[in-house]
Amino acid sequence: MNSTIVSQAFSSATSVIALHCSGSGAAQWRKLGEALGSRHAFVAPEHYGCDSTGPWSGERAFTLADEAARTIGIIDASRGKVHLVGHSYGGGVALRAAVERPERIASITLYEPSAFHLLKVMGAHGAYALAEIIAISKRTADGVTCGDYRGAAASFVDYWGGRGAWEALRPSVQAALTRWAPKAPLDFRALLDERTPASAYTGLRVPALIMRGQHAPVPTRAIAERLPMLLPAARLAIVEGAGHMGPLTHADSVNAMIVRHIAEADATA
């Protein structure tokens, strides 16, 4: 996992803040930063559990607000509005930050945000998807509590990336994910226990692009399809051939859509 990527001073241009998925790092968004070029200041902060940030302090129960605090600090340090980009867990963090600083957001782009708390208010379909997420959350937590960090990481990766995804990773990446694994239960718990009501998202009246892969898992597919009904200026885009890890497996297509969305938001502003 690489340390936070930062390009340009915050004051030089409208900032783009890109938040990575669980178990990943700032390097996930390196190609996006290159695609944005010099038009925007670009920062990709890393979450707790990454080598650059270290583990959560453990001083109290971990929440999504704790994770979002770093992003909110970046927003507060910028002079103008910012564009928020988030994938999976990073999408959940981005939503929390946007709700806390709605007047500072220029646009939002989320790829299958794992805002699992929304599944609780989505009827029978949401309940089915919620049960699926709780099951993988428990499997991961059980691996961590018994000390099988590698097994926990493998289950996590194969759920989100598809069967065989873990074995396809380089040994160095497997080792990094094994070190990260104790953070996974905290991410799941923070997302499931998030208390922001669905009604709060109606206040985010900024251009929003919600993306999902053609082969999205049931839980994040449901969330991606519900969010455009909550965000007043949102639209849904489907990335052909992609799954949940589209920002990595289909980076060129996903990044092109993100760059276009940000450019359109800037033009409108």
C-alpha atoms as a PDB file:
ATOM      1  CA  MET A   1       0.000   0.000   0.000  1.00  0.00           C
ATOM      2  CA  ASN A   2       1.436   3.349  -1.043  1.00  0.00           C
ATOM      3  CA  SER A   3       1.260   6.523   1.006  1.00  0.00           C
ATOM      4  CA  THR A   4      -1.097   9.349   0.183  1.00  0.00           C
ATOM      5  CA  ILE A   5      -0.802  10.728  -3.338  1.00  0.00           C
ATOM      6  CA  VAL A   6      -0.895  14.512  -3.562  1.00  0.00           C
ATOM      7  CA  SER A   7      -0.400  16.633  -6.666  1.00  0.00           C
ATOM      8  CA  GLN A   8      -0.343  20.449  -6.630  1.00  0.00           C
ATOM      9  CA  ALA A   9      -1.152  22.745  -3.718  1.00  0.00           C
ATOM     10  CA  PHE A  10      -4.786  22.845  -2.705  1.00  0.00           C
ATOM     11  CA  SER A  11      -5.019  26.538  -3.561  1.00  0.00           C
ATOM     12  CA  SER A  12      -3.858  26.159  -7.176  1.00  0.00           C
ATOM     13  CA  ALA A  13      -6.969  24.505  -8.608  1.00  0.00           C
ATOM     14  CA  THR A  14     -10.232  22.837  -7.686  1.00  0.00           C
ATOM     15  CA  SER A  15      -9.308  19.777  -5.641  1.00  0.00           C
ATOM     16  CA  VAL A  16     -10.270  16.194  -6.433  1.00  0.00           C
ATOM     17  CA  ILE A  17     -10.239  13.868  -3.428  1.00  0.00           C
ATOM     18  CA  ALA A  18     -10.233  10.161  -4.345  1.00  0.00           C
ATOM     19  CA  LEU A  19     -10.937   7.556  -1.655  1.00  0.00           C
ATOM     20  CA  HIS A  20      -9.874   3.954  -2.165  1.00  0.00           C
ATOM     21  CA  CYS A  21     -11.657   0.709  -1.315  1.00  0.00           C
ATOM     22  CA  SER A  22     -10.943  -1.464   1.732  1.00  0.00           C
ATOM     23  CA  GLY A  23      -7.616  -3.231   1.572  1.00  0.00           C
ATOM     24  CA  SER A  24      -6.301  -0.985  -1.190  1.00  0.00           C
ATOM     25  CA  GLY A  25      -4.347   2.254  -1.039  1.00  0.00           C
ATOM     26  CA  ALA A  26      -3.637   5.548  -2.733  1.00  0.00           C
ATOM     27  CA  ALA A  27      -1.977   3.799  -5.679  1.00  0.00           C
ATOM     28  CA  GLN A  28      -5.429   2.631  -6.752  1.00  0.00           C
ATOM     29  CA  TRP A  29      -6.066   6.143  -8.077  1.00  0.00           C
ATOM     30  CA  ARG A  30      -2.673   6.881  -9.635  1.00  0.00           C
ATOM     31  CA  LYS A  31      -4.030   6.556 -13.186  1.00  0.00           C
ATOM     32  CA  LEU A  32      -6.947   8.830 -12.323  1.00  0.00           C
ATOM     33  CA  GLY A  33      -4.540  11.490 -11.108  1.00  0.00           C
ATOM     34  CA  GLU A  34      -2.644  11.204 -14.378  1.00  0.00           C
ATOM     35  CA  ALA A  35      -5.867  11.423 -16.392  1.00  0.00           C
ATOM     36  CA  LEU A  36      -6.921  14.593 -14.564  1.00  0.00           C
ATOM     37  CA  GLY A  37      -3.568  16.176 -15.338  1.00  0.00           C
ATOM     38  CA  SER A  38      -2.848  19.718 -14.199  1.00  0.00           C
ATOM     39  CA  ARG A  39      -6.464  20.857 -14.331  1.00  0.00           C
ATOM     40  CA  HIS A  40      -7.059  19.856 -10.719  1.00  0.00           C
ATOM     41  CA  ALA A  41      -5.211  19.495  -7.461  1.00  0.00           C
ATOM     42  CA  PHE A  42      -5.406  15.776  -6.699  1.00  0.00           C
ATOM     43  CA  VAL A  43      -5.164  13.992  -3.361  1.00  0.00           C
ATOM     44  CA  ALA A  44      -5.759  10.331  -2.530  1.00  0.00           C
ATOM     45  CA  PRO A  45      -5.618   9.929   1.260  1.00  0.00           C
ATOM     46  CA  GLU A  46      -5.288   6.488   2.809  1.00  0.00           C
ATOM     47  CA  HIS A  47      -7.583   4.966   5.406  1.00  0.00           C
ATOM     48  CA  TYR A  48      -6.735   3.498   8.784  1.00  0.00           C
ATOM     49  CA  GLY A  49      -5.108   0.098   8.416  1.00  0.00           C
ATOM     50  CA  CYS A  50      -2.836   1.158   5.565  1.00  0.00           C
ATOM     51  CA  ASP A  51       0.906   1.084   6.162  1.00  0.00           C
ATOM     52  CA  SER A  52       1.121   4.878   5.841  1.00  0.00           C
ATOM     53  CA  THR A  53      -1.562   5.633   8.424  1.00  0.00           C
ATOM     54  CA  GLY A  54      -1.278   2.736  10.845  1.00  0.00           C
ATOM     55  CA  PRO A  55      -4.084   0.991  12.741  1.00  0.00           C
ATOM     56  CA  TRP A  56      -7.078   2.549  14.427  1.00  0.00           C
ATOM     57  CA  SER A  57      -6.173   3.696  17.941  1.00  0.00           C
ATOM     58  CA  GLY A  58      -8.696   1.420  19.626  1.00  0.00           C
ATOM     59  CA  GLU A  59      -9.640   4.143  22.093  1.00  0.00           C
ATOM     60  CA  ARG A  60     -13.348   3.660  21.366  1.00  0.00           C
ATOM     61  CA  ALA A  61     -15.676   1.928  18.922  1.00  0.00           C
ATOM     62  CA  PHE A  62     -14.684   2.792  15.367  1.00  0.00           C
ATOM     63  CA  THR A  63     -17.195   4.686  13.187  1.00  0.00           C
ATOM     64  CA  LEU A  64     -17.447   5.943   9.636  1.00  0.00           C
ATOM     65  CA  ALA A  65     -17.132   9.470  11.033  1.00  0.00           C
ATOM     66  CA  ASP A  66     -13.684   8.548  12.370  1.00  0.00           C
ATOM     67  CA  GLU A  67     -12.585   7.446   8.911  1.00  0.00           C
ATOM     68  CA  ALA A  68     -14.121  10.476   7.238  1.00  0.00           C
ATOM     69  CA  ALA A  69     -12.339  12.907   9.561  1.00  0.00           C
ATOM     70  CA  ARG A  70      -9.160  12.877   7.446  1.00  0.00           C
ATOM     71  CA  THR A  71     -11.123  13.685   4.285  1.00  0.00           C
ATOM     72  CA  ILE A  72     -13.051  16.439   6.033  1.00  0.00           C
ATOM     73  CA  GLY A  73      -9.751  17.922   7.155  1.00  0.00           C
ATOM     74  CA  ILE A  74      -8.604  18.047   3.525  1.00  0.00           C
ATOM     75  CA  ILE A  75     -11.882  19.692   2.506  1.00  0.00           C
ATOM     76  CA  ASP A  76     -11.506  22.292   5.240  1.00  0.00           C
ATOM     77  CA  ALA A  77      -7.914  23.000   4.149  1.00  0.00           C
ATOM     78  CA  SER A  78      -8.924  23.690   0.549  1.00  0.00           C
ATOM     79  CA  ARG A  79      -9.974  27.171  -0.538  1.00  0.00           C
ATOM     80  CA  GLY A  80     -12.823  26.236  -2.831  1.00  0.00           C
ATOM     81  CA  LYS A  81     -15.209  23.396  -3.382  1.00  0.00           C
ATOM     82  CA  VAL A  82     -13.908  19.877  -3.961  1.00  0.00           C
ATOM     83  CA  HIS A  83     -14.850  16.936  -6.160  1.00  0.00           C
ATOM     84  CA  LEU A  84     -15.262  13.704  -4.190  1.00  0.00           C
ATOM     85  CA  VAL A  85     -14.534  10.305  -5.746  1.00  0.00           C
ATOM     86  CA  GLY A  86     -14.963   7.032  -3.884  1.00  0.00           C
ATOM     87  CA  HIS A  87     -14.914   3.294  -4.551  1.00  0.00           C
ATOM     88  CA  SER A  88     -16.678   0.765  -2.311  1.00  0.00           C
ATOM     89  CA  TYR A  89     -15.661   1.599   1.291  1.00  0.00           C
ATOM     90  CA  GLY A  90     -14.199   4.840  -0.028  1.00  0.00           C
ATOM     91  CA  GLY A  91     -17.624   5.620  -1.456  1.00  0.00           C
ATOM     92  CA  GLY A  92     -19.194   5.164   1.959  1.00  0.00           C
ATOM     93  CA  VAL A  93     -16.568   7.468   3.461  1.00  0.00           C
ATOM     94  CA  ALA A  94     -17.155  10.022   0.695  1.00  0.00           C
ATOM     95  CA  LEU A  95     -20.890  10.070   1.410  1.00  0.00           C
ATOM     96  CA  ARG A  96     -20.261  10.666   5.099  1.00  0.00           C
ATOM     97  CA  ALA A  97     -17.856  13.517   4.341  1.00  0.00           C
ATOM     98  CA  ALA A  98     -20.294  15.055   1.853  1.00  0.00           C
ATOM     99  CA  VAL A  99     -23.132  15.015   4.375  1.00  0.00           C
ATOM    100  CA  GLU A 100     -20.918  16.819   6.881  1.00  0.00           C
ATOM    101  CA  ARG A 101     -19.704  19.446   4.367  1.00  0.00           C
ATOM    102  CA  PRO A 102     -22.459  19.691   1.723  1.00  0.00           C
ATOM    103  CA  GLU A 103     -21.731  23.314   0.882  1.00  0.00           C
ATOM    104  CA  ARG A 104     -18.095  22.464   0.032  1.00  0.00           C
ATOM    105  CA  ILE A 105     -18.810  19.737  -2.526  1.00  0.00           C
ATOM    106  CA  ALA A 106     -18.615  20.470  -6.268  1.00  0.00           C
ATOM    107  CA  SER A 107     -19.501  16.962  -7.445  1.00  0.00           C
ATOM    108  CA  ILE A 108     -19.619  13.351  -6.296  1.00  0.00           C
ATOM    109  CA  THR A 109     -18.559  10.243  -8.206  1.00  0.00           C
ATOM    110  CA  LEU A 110     -19.105   6.889  -6.506  1.00  0.00           C
ATOM    111  CA  TYR A 111     -18.329   3.417  -7.834  1.00  0.00           C
ATOM    112  CA  GLU A 112     -20.473   0.851  -5.987  1.00  0.00           C
ATOM    113  CA  PRO A 113     -20.343   2.674  -2.649  1.00  0.00           C
ATOM    114  CA  SER A 114     -20.742   0.219   0.216  1.00  0.00           C
ATOM    115  CA  ALA A 115     -23.271   2.289   2.157  1.00  0.00           C
ATOM    116  CA  PHE A 116     -24.673  -0.884   3.696  1.00  0.00           C
ATOM    117  CA  HIS A 117     -26.863   0.960   6.198  1.00  0.00           C
ATOM    118  CA  LEU A 118     -29.166   1.860   3.312  1.00  0.00           C
ATOM    119  CA  LEU A 119     -30.010  -1.811   2.785  1.00  0.00           C
ATOM    120  CA  LYS A 120     -31.924  -1.729   6.071  1.00  0.00           C
ATOM    121  CA  VAL A 121     -34.579   0.550   4.566  1.00  0.00           C
ATOM    122  CA  MET A 122     -34.897  -1.148   1.175  1.00  0.00           C
ATOM    123  CA  GLY A 123     -37.546  -3.765   1.911  1.00  0.00           C
ATOM    124  CA  ALA A 124     -37.248  -7.463   1.105  1.00  0.00           C
ATOM    125  CA  HIS A 125     -34.605  -6.976  -1.569  1.00  0.00           C
ATOM    126  CA  GLY A 126     -32.500  -4.935   0.822  1.00  0.00           C
ATOM    127  CA  ALA A 127     -32.920  -7.552   3.549  1.00  0.00           C
ATOM    128  CA  TYR A 128     -31.643 -10.274   1.210  1.00  0.00           C
ATOM    129  CA  ALA A 129     -28.626  -8.180   0.234  1.00  0.00           C
ATOM    130  CA  LEU A 130     -27.996  -7.239   3.869  1.00  0.00           C
ATOM    131  CA  ALA A 131     -27.931 -10.905   4.891  1.00  0.00           C
ATOM    132  CA  GLU A 132     -25.300 -11.560   2.219  1.00  0.00           C
ATOM    133  CA  ILE A 133     -23.079  -8.757   3.521  1.00  0.00           C
ATOM    134  CA  ILE A 134     -23.498  -9.804   7.135  1.00  0.00           C
ATOM    135  CA  ALA A 135     -22.426 -13.325   6.163  1.00  0.00           C
ATOM    136  CA  ILE A 136     -19.159 -12.227   4.525  1.00  0.00           C
ATOM    137  CA  SER A 137     -18.582  -9.770   7.354  1.00  0.00           C
ATOM    138  CA  LYS A 138     -18.903 -12.582   9.899  1.00  0.00           C
ATOM    139  CA  ARG A 139     -16.660 -14.898   7.889  1.00  0.00           C
ATOM    140  CA  THR A 140     -13.972 -12.219   7.747  1.00  0.00           C
ATOM    141  CA  ALA A 141     -14.297 -11.338  11.436  1.00  0.00           C
ATOM    142  CA  ASP A 142     -14.140 -15.004  12.445  1.00  0.00           C
ATOM    143  CA  GLY A 143     -10.872 -15.383  10.545  1.00  0.00           C
ATOM    144  CA  VAL A 144      -9.426 -12.352  12.317  1.00  0.00           C
ATOM    145  CA  THR A 145     -10.532 -13.368  15.812  1.00  0.00           C
ATOM    146  CA  CYS A 146      -8.980 -16.825  15.468  1.00  0.00           C
ATOM    147  CA  GLY A 147      -5.751 -15.371  14.068  1.00  0.00           C
ATOM    148  CA  ASP A 148      -6.163 -16.590  10.496  1.00  0.00           C
ATOM    149  CA  TYR A 149      -5.541 -13.175   8.930  1.00  0.00           C
ATOM    150  CA  ARG A 150      -4.538 -14.707   5.614  1.00  0.00           C
ATOM    151  CA  GLY A 151      -7.726 -16.765   5.422  1.00  0.00           C
ATOM    152  CA  ALA A 152      -9.800 -13.711   6.324  1.00  0.00           C
ATOM    153  CA  ALA A 153      -8.139 -11.670   3.596  1.00  0.00           C
ATOM    154  CA  ALA A 154      -8.593 -14.472   1.053  1.00  0.00           C
ATOM    155  CA  SER A 155     -12.334 -14.738   1.791  1.00  0.00           C
ATOM    156  CA  PHE A 156     -12.697 -10.980   1.534  1.00  0.00           C
ATOM    157  CA  VAL A 157     -10.854 -10.736  -1.795  1.00  0.00           C
ATOM    158  CA  ASP A 158     -12.675 -13.680  -3.366  1.00  0.00           C
ATOM    159  CA  TYR A 159     -16.052 -12.239  -2.409  1.00  0.00           C
ATOM    160  CA  TRP A 160     -15.410  -8.851  -3.999  1.00  0.00           C
ATOM    161  CA  GLY A 161     -13.162  -9.975  -6.852  1.00  0.00           C
ATOM    162  CA  GLY A 162     -14.676 -13.348  -7.669  1.00  0.00           C
ATOM    163  CA  ARG A 163     -13.480 -16.869  -7.023  1.00  0.00           C
ATOM    164  CA  GLY A 164      -9.772 -17.204  -7.702  1.00  0.00           C
ATOM    165  CA  ALA A 165      -9.077 -13.482  -7.227  1.00  0.00           C
ATOM    166  CA  TRP A 166      -6.906 -14.147  -4.177  1.00  0.00           C
ATOM    167  CA  GLU A 167      -4.743 -16.750  -5.882  1.00  0.00           C
ATOM    168  CA  ALA A 168      -4.235 -14.391  -8.820  1.00  0.00           C
ATOM    169  CA  LEU A 169      -2.614 -11.748  -6.616  1.00  0.00           C
ATOM    170  CA  ARG A 170       1.132 -11.321  -6.354  1.00  0.00           C
ATOM    171  CA  PRO A 171       2.632 -12.682  -3.104  1.00  0.00           C
ATOM    172  CA  SER A 172       3.587  -9.143  -2.044  1.00  0.00           C
ATOM    173  CA  VAL A 173      -0.017  -7.996  -2.425  1.00  0.00           C
ATOM    174  CA  GLN A 174      -1.279 -11.031  -0.503  1.00  0.00           C
ATOM    175  CA  ALA A 175       1.161 -10.186   2.286  1.00  0.00           C
ATOM    176  CA  ALA A 176      -0.028  -6.567   2.402  1.00  0.00           C
ATOM    177  CA  LEU A 177      -3.666  -7.661   2.566  1.00  0.00           C
ATOM    178  CA  THR A 178      -2.863 -10.157   5.320  1.00  0.00           C
ATOM    179  CA  ARG A 179      -1.354  -7.314   7.374  1.00  0.00           C
ATOM    180  CA  TRP A 180      -4.444  -5.207   6.665  1.00  0.00           C
ATOM    181  CA  ALA A 181      -7.006  -7.931   7.487  1.00  0.00           C
ATOM    182  CA  PRO A 182      -7.633  -6.912  11.148  1.00  0.00           C
ATOM    183  CA  LYS A 183      -9.096  -3.639   9.839  1.00  0.00           C
ATOM    184  CA  ALA A 184     -11.725  -5.402   7.687  1.00  0.00           C
ATOM    185  CA  PRO A 185     -14.203  -6.090  10.525  1.00  0.00           C
ATOM    186  CA  LEU A 186     -14.006  -2.436  11.553  1.00  0.00           C
ATOM    187  CA  ASP A 187     -14.880  -1.340   8.010  1.00  0.00           C
ATOM    188  CA  PHE A 188     -17.861  -3.680   7.846  1.00  0.00           C
ATOM    189  CA  ARG A 189     -19.125  -2.618  11.280  1.00  0.00           C
ATOM    190  CA  ALA A 190     -18.722   1.091  10.529  1.00  0.00           C
ATOM    191  CA  LEU A 191     -20.673   0.760   7.278  1.00  0.00           C
ATOM    192  CA  LEU A 192     -23.424  -1.394   8.760  1.00  0.00           C
ATOM    193  CA  ASP A 193     -23.834   0.769  11.882  1.00  0.00           C
ATOM    194  CA  GLU A 194     -23.721   4.148  10.097  1.00  0.00           C
ATOM    195  CA  ARG A 195     -26.631   6.262  11.395  1.00  0.00           C
ATOM    196  CA  THR A 196     -26.990   8.804   8.605  1.00  0.00           C
ATOM    197  CA  PRO A 197     -30.650   8.556   7.513  1.00  0.00           C
ATOM    198  CA  ALA A 198     -31.439   8.073   3.847  1.00  0.00           C
ATOM    199  CA  SER A 199     -33.247  11.413   3.899  1.00  0.00           C
ATOM    200  CA  ALA A 200     -29.957  13.217   4.613  1.00  0.00           C
ATOM    201  CA  TYR A 201     -28.685  12.457   1.110  1.00  0.00           C
ATOM    202  CA  THR A 202     -31.459  14.499  -0.483  1.00  0.00           C
ATOM    203  CA  GLY A 203     -29.586  17.580   0.707  1.00  0.00           C
ATOM    204  CA  LEU A 204     -26.628  16.823  -1.567  1.00  0.00           C
ATOM    205  CA  ARG A 205     -27.776  18.899  -4.523  1.00  0.00           C
ATOM    206  CA  VAL A 206     -24.606  18.532  -6.575  1.00  0.00           C
ATOM    207  CA  PRO A 207     -23.889  16.637  -9.792  1.00  0.00           C
ATOM    208  CA  ALA A 208     -23.515  12.998  -8.791  1.00  0.00           C
ATOM    209  CA  LEU A 209     -22.396  10.059 -10.906  1.00  0.00           C
ATOM    210  CA  ILE A 210     -23.151   6.645  -9.424  1.00  0.00           C
ATOM    211  CA  MET A 211     -21.373   3.798 -11.178  1.00  0.00           C
ATOM    212  CA  ARG A 212     -21.641   0.033 -10.925  1.00  0.00           C
ATOM    213  CA  GLY A 213     -20.148  -2.860 -12.791  1.00  0.00           C
ATOM    214  CA  GLN A 214     -22.253  -4.985 -15.102  1.00  0.00           C
ATOM    215  CA  HIS A 215     -21.488  -7.909 -12.789  1.00  0.00           C
ATOM    216  CA  ALA A 216     -21.880  -6.062  -9.482  1.00  0.00           C
ATOM    217  CA  PRO A 217     -22.559  -8.148  -6.347  1.00  0.00           C
ATOM    218  CA  VAL A 218     -26.148  -8.011  -5.118  1.00  0.00           C
ATOM    219  CA  PRO A 219     -25.530  -5.632  -2.149  1.00  0.00           C
ATOM    220  CA  THR A 220     -23.595  -2.922  -3.991  1.00  0.00           C
ATOM    221  CA  ARG A 221     -25.789  -3.275  -7.065  1.00  0.00           C
ATOM    222  CA  ALA A 222     -28.836  -2.534  -4.896  1.00  0.00           C
ATOM    223  CA  ILE A 223     -27.165   0.480  -3.278  1.00  0.00           C
ATOM    224  CA  ALA A 224     -25.930   1.877  -6.595  1.00  0.00           C
ATOM    225  CA  GLU A 225     -29.423   1.656  -8.025  1.00  0.00           C
ATOM    226  CA  ARG A 226     -31.057   3.256  -4.975  1.00  0.00           C
ATOM    227  CA  LEU A 227     -28.739   6.241  -4.529  1.00  0.00           C
ATOM    228  CA  PRO A 228     -29.874   8.037  -7.723  1.00  0.00           C
ATOM    229  CA  MET A 229     -33.346   8.051  -6.191  1.00  0.00           C
ATOM    230  CA  LEU A 230     -32.009   9.853  -3.117  1.00  0.00           C
ATOM    231  CA  LEU A 231     -29.488  12.288  -4.568  1.00  0.00           C
ATOM    232  CA  PRO A 232     -31.379  15.055  -6.404  1.00  0.00           C
ATOM    233  CA  ALA A 233     -28.877  15.486  -9.264  1.00  0.00           C
ATOM    234  CA  ALA A 234     -27.607  11.929  -9.679  1.00  0.00           C
ATOM    235  CA  ARG A 235     -27.448   9.501 -12.569  1.00  0.00           C
ATOM    236  CA  LEU A 236     -26.457   5.860 -12.799  1.00  0.00           C
ATOM    237  CA  ALA A 237     -23.842   4.494 -15.212  1.00  0.00           C
ATOM    238  CA  ILE A 238     -23.063   0.822 -15.782  1.00  0.00           C
ATOM    239  CA  VAL A 239     -19.544  -0.248 -16.741  1.00  0.00           C
ATOM    240  CA  GLU A 240     -19.818  -3.094 -19.236  1.00  0.00           C
ATOM    241  CA  GLY A 241     -17.879  -6.229 -18.382  1.00  0.00           C
ATOM    242  CA  ALA A 242     -16.809  -4.956 -14.961  1.00  0.00           C
ATOM    243  CA  GLY A 243     -17.487  -6.247 -11.477  1.00  0.00           C
ATOM    244  CA  HIS A 244     -17.046  -4.622  -8.096  1.00  0.00           C
ATOM    245  CA  MET A 245     -13.361  -4.003  -8.708  1.00  0.00           C
ATOM    246  CA  GLY A 246     -13.989  -2.041 -11.895  1.00  0.00           C
ATOM    247  CA  PRO A 247     -11.788   0.940 -10.906  1.00  0.00           C
ATOM    248  CA  LEU A 248      -8.848  -1.488 -11.021  1.00  0.00           C
ATOM    249  CA  THR A 249      -9.833  -4.021 -13.687  1.00  0.00           C
ATOM    250  CA  HIS A 250     -11.397  -1.436 -16.034  1.00  0.00           C
ATOM    251  CA  ALA A 251      -9.428   1.611 -14.917  1.00  0.00           C
ATOM    252  CA  ASP A 252      -9.297   3.353 -18.297  1.00  0.00           C
ATOM    253  CA  SER A 253     -13.071   3.209 -18.817  1.00  0.00           C
ATOM    254  CA  VAL A 254     -13.919   4.137 -15.238  1.00  0.00           C
ATOM    255  CA  ASN A 255     -11.398   6.993 -15.080  1.00  0.00           C
ATOM    256  CA  ALA A 256     -12.616   8.427 -18.389  1.00  0.00           C
ATOM    257  CA  MET A 257     -16.160   8.571 -17.001  1.00  0.00           C
ATOM    258  CA  ILE A 258     -14.947  10.201 -13.797  1.00  0.00           C
ATOM    259  CA  VAL A 259     -12.910  12.825 -15.649  1.00  0.00           C
ATOM    260  CA  ARG A 260     -15.842  13.613 -17.941  1.00  0.00           C
ATOM    261  CA  HIS A 261     -18.239  13.966 -14.993  1.00  0.00           C
ATOM    262  CA  ILE A 262     -15.889  16.333 -13.171  1.00  0.00           C
ATOM    263  CA  ALA A 263     -15.374  18.411 -16.331  1.00  0.00           C
ATOM    264  CA  GLU A 264     -19.136  18.695 -16.843  1.00  0.00           C
ATOM    265  CA  ALA A 265     -19.625  19.731 -13.225  1.00  0.00           C
ATOM    266  CA  ASP A 266     -16.933  22.390 -13.580  1.00  0.00           C
ATOM    267  CA  ALA A 267     -18.509  23.683 -16.776  1.00  0.00           C
ATOM    268  CA  THR A 268     -21.931  23.909 -15.142  1.00  0.00           C
ATOM    269  CA  ALA A 269     -20.494  25.701 -12.130  1.00  0.00           C
END
